[in-house]
């Protein structure tokens, strides 16, 4: 039974339809959603003169965008009376998703079919867990 579901949130466009579908599923199953946005640290640019300055600025912008997207999902979850937890991580997406899946003892993961994740790696770490690609 899916009682705790990880929803991987990548961007606003791909997420809206996926989040709506996941909310309906969670409501039907009376499940909690863990909406996870990962700031991929390899996409943050670093100038030579001050490596931390621009990385912090780029990271701040991505974090603000991430929270905005997650709060939209949270609002929709509230309207549907679905329990939700919001999580932002920084790092390699595949590693962080596996880490969150295990640390919160989640039952499954939902990701977009448009995702650029290494699905083979995720599948190898999701043994006994549901992996839904929508």
N, C-alpha and C. Protein backbone atom coordinates (compact mmCIF):
# COMPACT_ATOMS: atom_id res chain seq x y z
N UNK A 1 0.84 -1.18 0.00
CA UNK A 1 0.00 0.00 0.00
C UNK A 1 0.88 1.24 0.00
N UNK A 2 0.50 2.21 -0.77
CA UNK A 2 1.23 3.47 -0.82
C UNK A 2 0.65 4.43 0.22
N UNK A 3 1.37 4.58 1.32
CA UNK A 3 0.93 5.50 2.37
C UNK A 3 1.77 6.77 2.39
N UNK A 4 3.02 6.66 1.93
CA UNK A 4 3.93 7.81 1.87
C UNK A 4 4.58 7.82 0.49
N UNK A 5 4.26 8.88 -0.27
CA UNK A 5 4.66 8.95 -1.67
C UNK A 5 5.58 10.15 -1.91
N UNK A 6 6.70 9.90 -2.55
CA UNK A 6 7.61 10.97 -2.94
C UNK A 6 7.18 11.48 -4.32
N UNK A 7 6.97 12.77 -4.42
CA UNK A 7 6.69 13.43 -5.70
C UNK A 7 7.91 14.27 -6.05
N UNK A 8 8.59 13.90 -7.13
CA UNK A 8 9.77 14.66 -7.55
C UNK A 8 9.33 15.85 -8.37
N UNK A 9 9.66 17.03 -7.88
CA UNK A 9 9.28 18.30 -8.50
C UNK A 9 10.51 18.87 -9.19
N UNK A 10 10.40 19.04 -10.51
CA UNK A 10 11.55 19.56 -11.25
C UNK A 10 11.37 20.99 -11.72
N UNK A 11 10.23 21.29 -12.29
CA UNK A 11 9.96 22.64 -12.78
C UNK A 11 8.46 22.86 -12.82
N UNK A 12 8.07 24.09 -12.99
CA UNK A 12 6.66 24.45 -12.91
C UNK A 12 5.84 23.79 -14.02
N UNK A 13 6.34 23.76 -15.25
CA UNK A 13 5.57 23.24 -16.38
C UNK A 13 5.26 21.75 -16.24
N UNK A 14 6.28 20.96 -16.02
CA UNK A 14 6.09 19.51 -15.94
C UNK A 14 5.39 19.09 -14.65
N UNK A 15 5.47 19.93 -13.65
CA UNK A 15 4.98 19.53 -12.33
C UNK A 15 3.48 19.70 -12.15
N UNK A 16 2.88 20.68 -12.77
CA UNK A 16 1.47 20.99 -12.52
C UNK A 16 0.57 19.77 -12.78
N UNK A 17 0.67 19.18 -13.95
CA UNK A 17 -0.16 18.02 -14.29
C UNK A 17 0.19 16.84 -13.40
N UNK A 18 1.48 16.63 -13.19
CA UNK A 18 1.94 15.51 -12.36
C UNK A 18 1.46 15.67 -10.91
N UNK A 19 1.55 16.88 -10.39
CA UNK A 19 1.13 17.13 -9.01
C UNK A 19 -0.38 16.91 -8.86
N UNK A 20 -1.15 17.37 -9.83
CA UNK A 20 -2.61 17.19 -9.79
C UNK A 20 -2.96 15.70 -9.77
N UNK A 21 -2.31 14.94 -10.63
CA UNK A 21 -2.54 13.49 -10.68
C UNK A 21 -2.14 12.83 -9.35
N UNK A 22 -0.99 13.23 -8.82
CA UNK A 22 -0.49 12.65 -7.57
C UNK A 22 -1.41 12.99 -6.40
N UNK A 23 -1.94 14.21 -6.38
CA UNK A 23 -2.88 14.60 -5.33
C UNK A 23 -4.14 13.74 -5.37
N UNK A 24 -4.63 13.47 -6.56
CA UNK A 24 -5.82 12.61 -6.68
C UNK A 24 -5.52 11.20 -6.18
N UNK A 25 -4.35 10.69 -6.54
CA UNK A 25 -3.94 9.37 -6.08
C UNK A 25 -3.82 9.34 -4.55
N UNK A 26 -3.15 10.34 -4.00
CA UNK A 26 -2.95 10.41 -2.55
C UNK A 26 -4.29 10.52 -1.81
N UNK A 27 -5.20 11.29 -2.36
CA UNK A 27 -6.51 11.43 -1.73
C UNK A 27 -7.25 10.09 -1.73
N UNK A 28 -7.20 9.39 -2.84
CA UNK A 28 -7.85 8.08 -2.95
C UNK A 28 -7.26 7.08 -1.97
N UNK A 29 -5.94 7.12 -1.81
CA UNK A 29 -5.24 6.16 -0.94
C UNK A 29 -5.09 6.65 0.50
N UNK A 30 -5.52 7.89 0.76
CA UNK A 30 -5.31 8.51 2.06
C UNK A 30 -3.81 8.51 2.41
N UNK A 31 -3.01 8.90 1.44
CA UNK A 31 -1.55 8.87 1.58
C UNK A 31 -1.01 10.28 1.81
N UNK A 32 0.18 10.35 2.35
CA UNK A 32 0.91 11.62 2.51
C UNK A 32 1.87 11.76 1.34
N UNK A 33 1.96 12.97 0.81
CA UNK A 33 2.90 13.27 -0.26
C UNK A 33 4.12 13.98 0.33
N UNK A 34 5.28 13.58 -0.12
CA UNK A 34 6.52 14.26 0.19
C UNK A 34 6.99 14.89 -1.12
N UNK A 35 6.69 16.19 -1.30
CA UNK A 35 7.08 16.89 -2.52
C UNK A 35 8.53 17.34 -2.38
N UNK A 36 9.37 16.86 -3.28
CA UNK A 36 10.81 17.08 -3.18
C UNK A 36 11.32 17.83 -4.39
N UNK A 37 11.96 18.95 -4.13
CA UNK A 37 12.64 19.73 -5.17
C UNK A 37 14.13 19.66 -4.88
N UNK A 38 14.91 19.35 -5.89
CA UNK A 38 16.36 19.23 -5.68
C UNK A 38 17.08 20.27 -6.52
N UNK A 39 17.86 21.09 -5.85
CA UNK A 39 18.70 22.06 -6.54
C UNK A 39 19.96 21.31 -6.92
N UNK A 40 20.10 21.09 -8.21
CA UNK A 40 21.23 20.34 -8.72
C UNK A 40 22.48 21.22 -8.64
N UNK A 41 23.37 20.90 -7.72
CA UNK A 41 24.54 21.76 -7.51
C UNK A 41 25.47 21.82 -8.71
N UNK A 42 25.37 20.90 -9.64
CA UNK A 42 26.21 20.96 -10.83
C UNK A 42 25.73 22.04 -11.81
N UNK A 43 24.51 22.56 -11.62
CA UNK A 43 24.00 23.60 -12.51
C UNK A 43 24.29 25.00 -11.98
N UNK A 44 24.80 25.09 -10.76
CA UNK A 44 25.12 26.41 -10.20
C UNK A 44 26.47 26.86 -10.76
N UNK A 45 26.50 28.08 -11.27
CA UNK A 45 27.73 28.59 -11.86
C UNK A 45 28.61 29.22 -10.78
N UNK A 46 29.91 29.12 -10.98
CA UNK A 46 30.87 29.67 -10.01
C UNK A 46 31.91 30.50 -10.75
N UNK A 47 31.99 31.79 -10.46
CA UNK A 47 33.03 32.61 -11.09
C UNK A 47 34.39 32.28 -10.48
N UNK A 48 35.44 32.55 -11.23
CA UNK A 48 36.79 32.24 -10.76
C UNK A 48 37.20 33.12 -9.59
N UNK A 49 36.88 34.43 -9.64
CA UNK A 49 37.33 35.36 -8.61
C UNK A 49 36.78 35.05 -7.22
N UNK A 50 35.50 34.77 -7.12
CA UNK A 50 34.88 34.51 -5.83
C UNK A 50 33.92 33.34 -5.99
N UNK A 51 34.40 32.12 -5.81
CA UNK A 51 33.59 30.93 -6.08
C UNK A 51 32.27 30.86 -5.34
N UNK A 52 32.20 31.41 -4.15
CA UNK A 52 30.98 31.27 -3.36
C UNK A 52 29.93 32.34 -3.68
N UNK A 53 30.35 33.50 -4.14
CA UNK A 53 29.42 34.61 -4.32
C UNK A 53 28.33 34.31 -5.34
N UNK A 54 28.70 33.97 -6.55
CA UNK A 54 27.70 33.74 -7.59
C UNK A 54 26.94 32.45 -7.32
N UNK A 55 27.60 31.45 -6.78
CA UNK A 55 26.92 30.20 -6.46
C UNK A 55 25.81 30.47 -5.47
N UNK A 56 26.08 31.31 -4.46
CA UNK A 56 25.06 31.64 -3.47
C UNK A 56 23.90 32.37 -4.12
N UNK A 57 24.19 33.32 -5.00
CA UNK A 57 23.14 34.08 -5.67
C UNK A 57 22.30 33.18 -6.56
N UNK A 58 22.94 32.33 -7.35
CA UNK A 58 22.21 31.41 -8.22
C UNK A 58 21.41 30.42 -7.39
N UNK A 59 22.01 29.94 -6.30
CA UNK A 59 21.32 29.00 -5.42
C UNK A 59 20.13 29.64 -4.75
N UNK A 60 20.25 30.90 -4.37
CA UNK A 60 19.14 31.62 -3.75
C UNK A 60 17.97 31.76 -4.71
N UNK A 61 18.27 32.10 -5.96
CA UNK A 61 17.22 32.23 -6.97
C UNK A 61 16.52 30.89 -7.19
N UNK A 62 17.30 29.83 -7.32
CA UNK A 62 16.71 28.51 -7.52
C UNK A 62 15.89 28.10 -6.30
N UNK A 63 16.38 28.43 -5.12
CA UNK A 63 15.64 28.07 -3.90
C UNK A 63 14.32 28.84 -3.82
N UNK A 64 14.33 30.11 -4.18
CA UNK A 64 13.08 30.90 -4.20
C UNK A 64 12.08 30.31 -5.18
N UNK A 65 12.57 29.94 -6.37
CA UNK A 65 11.70 29.33 -7.37
C UNK A 65 11.15 28.01 -6.86
N UNK A 66 12.02 27.21 -6.24
CA UNK A 66 11.61 25.91 -5.70
C UNK A 66 10.50 26.08 -4.67
N UNK A 67 10.69 27.01 -3.73
CA UNK A 67 9.66 27.23 -2.70
C UNK A 67 8.35 27.68 -3.32
N UNK A 68 8.42 28.54 -4.33
CA UNK A 68 7.20 29.02 -4.98
C UNK A 68 6.42 27.86 -5.59
N UNK A 69 7.13 26.96 -6.26
CA UNK A 69 6.48 25.79 -6.87
C UNK A 69 5.91 24.87 -5.79
N UNK A 70 6.70 24.62 -4.75
CA UNK A 70 6.25 23.74 -3.69
C UNK A 70 5.03 24.32 -2.95
N UNK A 71 5.02 25.63 -2.74
CA UNK A 71 3.88 26.25 -2.06
C UNK A 71 2.60 26.15 -2.89
N UNK A 72 2.73 26.22 -4.22
CA UNK A 72 1.56 26.03 -5.08
C UNK A 72 0.99 24.62 -4.90
N UNK A 73 1.87 23.64 -4.85
CA UNK A 73 1.43 22.25 -4.65
C UNK A 73 0.80 22.10 -3.27
N UNK A 74 1.40 22.75 -2.28
CA UNK A 74 0.86 22.68 -0.92
C UNK A 74 -0.54 23.28 -0.86
N UNK A 75 -0.76 24.40 -1.55
CA UNK A 75 -2.09 25.01 -1.59
C UNK A 75 -3.11 24.05 -2.20
N UNK A 76 -2.71 23.41 -3.31
CA UNK A 76 -3.61 22.44 -3.96
C UNK A 76 -3.89 21.26 -3.04
N UNK A 77 -2.87 20.80 -2.33
CA UNK A 77 -3.04 19.68 -1.40
C UNK A 77 -4.00 20.07 -0.28
N UNK A 78 -3.88 21.28 0.23
CA UNK A 78 -4.76 21.76 1.29
C UNK A 78 -6.21 21.75 0.80
N UNK A 79 -6.43 22.23 -0.43
CA UNK A 79 -7.79 22.25 -1.01
C UNK A 79 -8.36 20.84 -1.16
N UNK A 80 -7.49 19.87 -1.43
CA UNK A 80 -7.92 18.48 -1.61
C UNK A 80 -7.91 17.69 -0.30
N UNK A 81 -7.51 18.35 0.78
CA UNK A 81 -7.41 17.70 2.09
C UNK A 81 -6.42 16.52 2.06
N UNK A 82 -5.27 16.76 1.43
CA UNK A 82 -4.20 15.77 1.33
C UNK A 82 -3.03 16.24 2.18
N UNK A 83 -2.49 15.33 2.98
CA UNK A 83 -1.32 15.66 3.81
C UNK A 83 -0.10 15.77 2.92
N UNK A 84 0.74 16.78 3.22
CA UNK A 84 1.91 16.99 2.37
C UNK A 84 3.07 17.53 3.20
N UNK A 85 4.27 17.11 2.84
CA UNK A 85 5.51 17.63 3.40
C UNK A 85 6.33 18.19 2.24
N UNK A 86 6.97 19.33 2.47
CA UNK A 86 7.77 19.97 1.43
C UNK A 86 9.25 19.85 1.79
N UNK A 87 10.04 19.44 0.80
CA UNK A 87 11.46 19.22 1.04
C UNK A 87 12.28 19.82 -0.10
N UNK A 88 13.31 20.57 0.25
CA UNK A 88 14.28 21.03 -0.74
C UNK A 88 15.63 20.46 -0.34
N UNK A 89 16.31 19.88 -1.30
CA UNK A 89 17.64 19.32 -1.11
C UNK A 89 18.56 19.95 -2.15
N UNK A 90 19.85 19.87 -1.90
CA UNK A 90 20.83 20.33 -2.87
C UNK A 90 21.82 19.20 -3.12
N UNK A 91 22.07 18.91 -4.38
CA UNK A 91 23.01 17.85 -4.72
C UNK A 91 22.62 17.18 -6.03
N UNK A 92 23.15 16.02 -6.24
CA UNK A 92 22.84 15.24 -7.43
C UNK A 92 21.44 14.65 -7.25
N UNK A 93 20.50 14.93 -8.16
CA UNK A 93 19.11 14.51 -7.96
C UNK A 93 18.92 13.02 -7.65
N UNK A 94 19.58 12.15 -8.39
CA UNK A 94 19.39 10.71 -8.15
C UNK A 94 19.80 10.34 -6.73
N UNK A 95 20.94 10.87 -6.28
CA UNK A 95 21.43 10.56 -4.92
C UNK A 95 20.47 11.08 -3.86
N UNK A 96 19.99 12.31 -4.04
CA UNK A 96 19.10 12.92 -3.05
C UNK A 96 17.74 12.23 -3.01
N UNK A 97 17.22 11.84 -4.17
CA UNK A 97 15.93 11.14 -4.19
C UNK A 97 16.02 9.81 -3.45
N UNK A 98 17.09 9.08 -3.69
CA UNK A 98 17.30 7.80 -3.01
C UNK A 98 17.45 8.02 -1.51
N UNK A 99 18.18 9.07 -1.14
CA UNK A 99 18.39 9.40 0.27
C UNK A 99 17.05 9.72 0.97
N UNK A 100 16.23 10.55 0.33
CA UNK A 100 14.94 10.92 0.91
C UNK A 100 14.02 9.70 0.98
N UNK A 101 13.99 8.92 -0.09
CA UNK A 101 13.15 7.72 -0.14
C UNK A 101 13.45 6.79 1.04
N UNK A 102 14.74 6.60 1.31
CA UNK A 102 15.15 5.71 2.40
C UNK A 102 15.00 6.35 3.77
N UNK A 103 15.41 7.60 3.92
CA UNK A 103 15.40 8.22 5.25
C UNK A 103 13.99 8.43 5.80
N UNK A 104 13.02 8.68 4.92
CA UNK A 104 11.64 8.86 5.37
C UNK A 104 10.83 7.57 5.24
N UNK A 105 11.50 6.48 4.82
CA UNK A 105 10.86 5.17 4.65
C UNK A 105 9.60 5.29 3.79
N UNK A 106 9.76 5.91 2.62
CA UNK A 106 8.64 6.12 1.71
C UNK A 106 8.32 4.86 0.94
N UNK A 107 7.07 4.76 0.51
CA UNK A 107 6.60 3.55 -0.16
C UNK A 107 6.78 3.60 -1.67
N UNK A 108 6.97 4.79 -2.22
CA UNK A 108 7.12 4.90 -3.65
C UNK A 108 7.47 6.30 -4.09
N UNK A 109 7.72 6.42 -5.39
CA UNK A 109 8.17 7.68 -5.97
C UNK A 109 7.44 7.90 -7.28
N UNK A 110 7.03 9.15 -7.51
CA UNK A 110 6.38 9.52 -8.77
C UNK A 110 7.24 10.59 -9.43
N UNK A 111 7.60 10.32 -10.69
CA UNK A 111 8.41 11.28 -11.44
C UNK A 111 7.79 11.48 -12.83
N UNK A 112 8.13 12.58 -13.44
CA UNK A 112 7.63 12.89 -14.78
C UNK A 112 8.33 12.05 -15.83
N UNK A 113 7.58 11.69 -16.87
CA UNK A 113 8.20 10.95 -17.99
C UNK A 113 9.17 11.84 -18.75
N UNK A 114 9.10 13.14 -18.53
CA UNK A 114 10.01 14.09 -19.18
C UNK A 114 11.29 14.30 -18.38
N UNK A 115 11.38 13.66 -17.24
CA UNK A 115 12.53 13.83 -16.37
C UNK A 115 13.81 13.34 -17.04
N UNK A 116 14.89 13.99 -16.72
CA UNK A 116 16.19 13.60 -17.28
C UNK A 116 17.02 12.79 -16.27
N UNK A 117 16.33 12.21 -15.31
CA UNK A 117 17.01 11.40 -14.30
C UNK A 117 17.53 10.09 -14.89
N UNK A 118 18.51 9.52 -14.23
CA UNK A 118 19.02 8.20 -14.60
C UNK A 118 18.06 7.16 -14.03
N UNK A 119 17.10 6.75 -14.83
CA UNK A 119 16.06 5.83 -14.37
C UNK A 119 16.62 4.47 -13.98
N UNK A 120 17.63 4.02 -14.68
CA UNK A 120 18.24 2.73 -14.37
C UNK A 120 18.78 2.74 -12.93
N UNK A 121 19.42 3.82 -12.56
CA UNK A 121 19.97 3.94 -11.20
C UNK A 121 18.84 3.97 -10.17
N UNK A 122 17.79 4.75 -10.45
CA UNK A 122 16.66 4.82 -9.51
C UNK A 122 15.99 3.47 -9.33
N UNK A 123 15.77 2.78 -10.43
CA UNK A 123 15.13 1.46 -10.37
C UNK A 123 15.95 0.50 -9.53
N UNK A 124 17.27 0.56 -9.67
CA UNK A 124 18.12 -0.36 -8.91
C UNK A 124 18.06 -0.10 -7.41
N UNK A 125 17.72 1.13 -7.01
CA UNK A 125 17.64 1.47 -5.59
C UNK A 125 16.21 1.46 -5.04
N UNK A 126 15.26 1.21 -5.89
CA UNK A 126 13.84 1.25 -5.47
C UNK A 126 13.26 -0.15 -5.30
N UNK A 127 14.09 -1.11 -5.02
CA UNK A 127 13.58 -2.48 -4.84
C UNK A 127 12.57 -2.51 -3.71
N UNK A 128 11.41 -3.07 -3.98
CA UNK A 128 10.35 -3.15 -2.99
C UNK A 128 9.54 -1.87 -2.88
N UNK A 129 9.87 -0.89 -3.69
CA UNK A 129 9.16 0.39 -3.68
C UNK A 129 8.50 0.59 -5.03
N UNK A 130 7.42 1.32 -5.06
CA UNK A 130 6.76 1.63 -6.33
C UNK A 130 7.47 2.80 -6.99
N UNK A 131 7.70 2.70 -8.28
CA UNK A 131 8.26 3.79 -9.05
C UNK A 131 7.29 4.06 -10.20
N UNK A 132 6.61 5.18 -10.14
CA UNK A 132 5.62 5.53 -11.15
C UNK A 132 6.19 6.65 -12.00
N UNK A 133 6.20 6.41 -13.30
CA UNK A 133 6.67 7.41 -14.25
C UNK A 133 5.44 7.84 -15.05
N UNK A 134 5.06 9.08 -14.89
CA UNK A 134 3.81 9.56 -15.49
C UNK A 134 4.11 10.70 -16.42
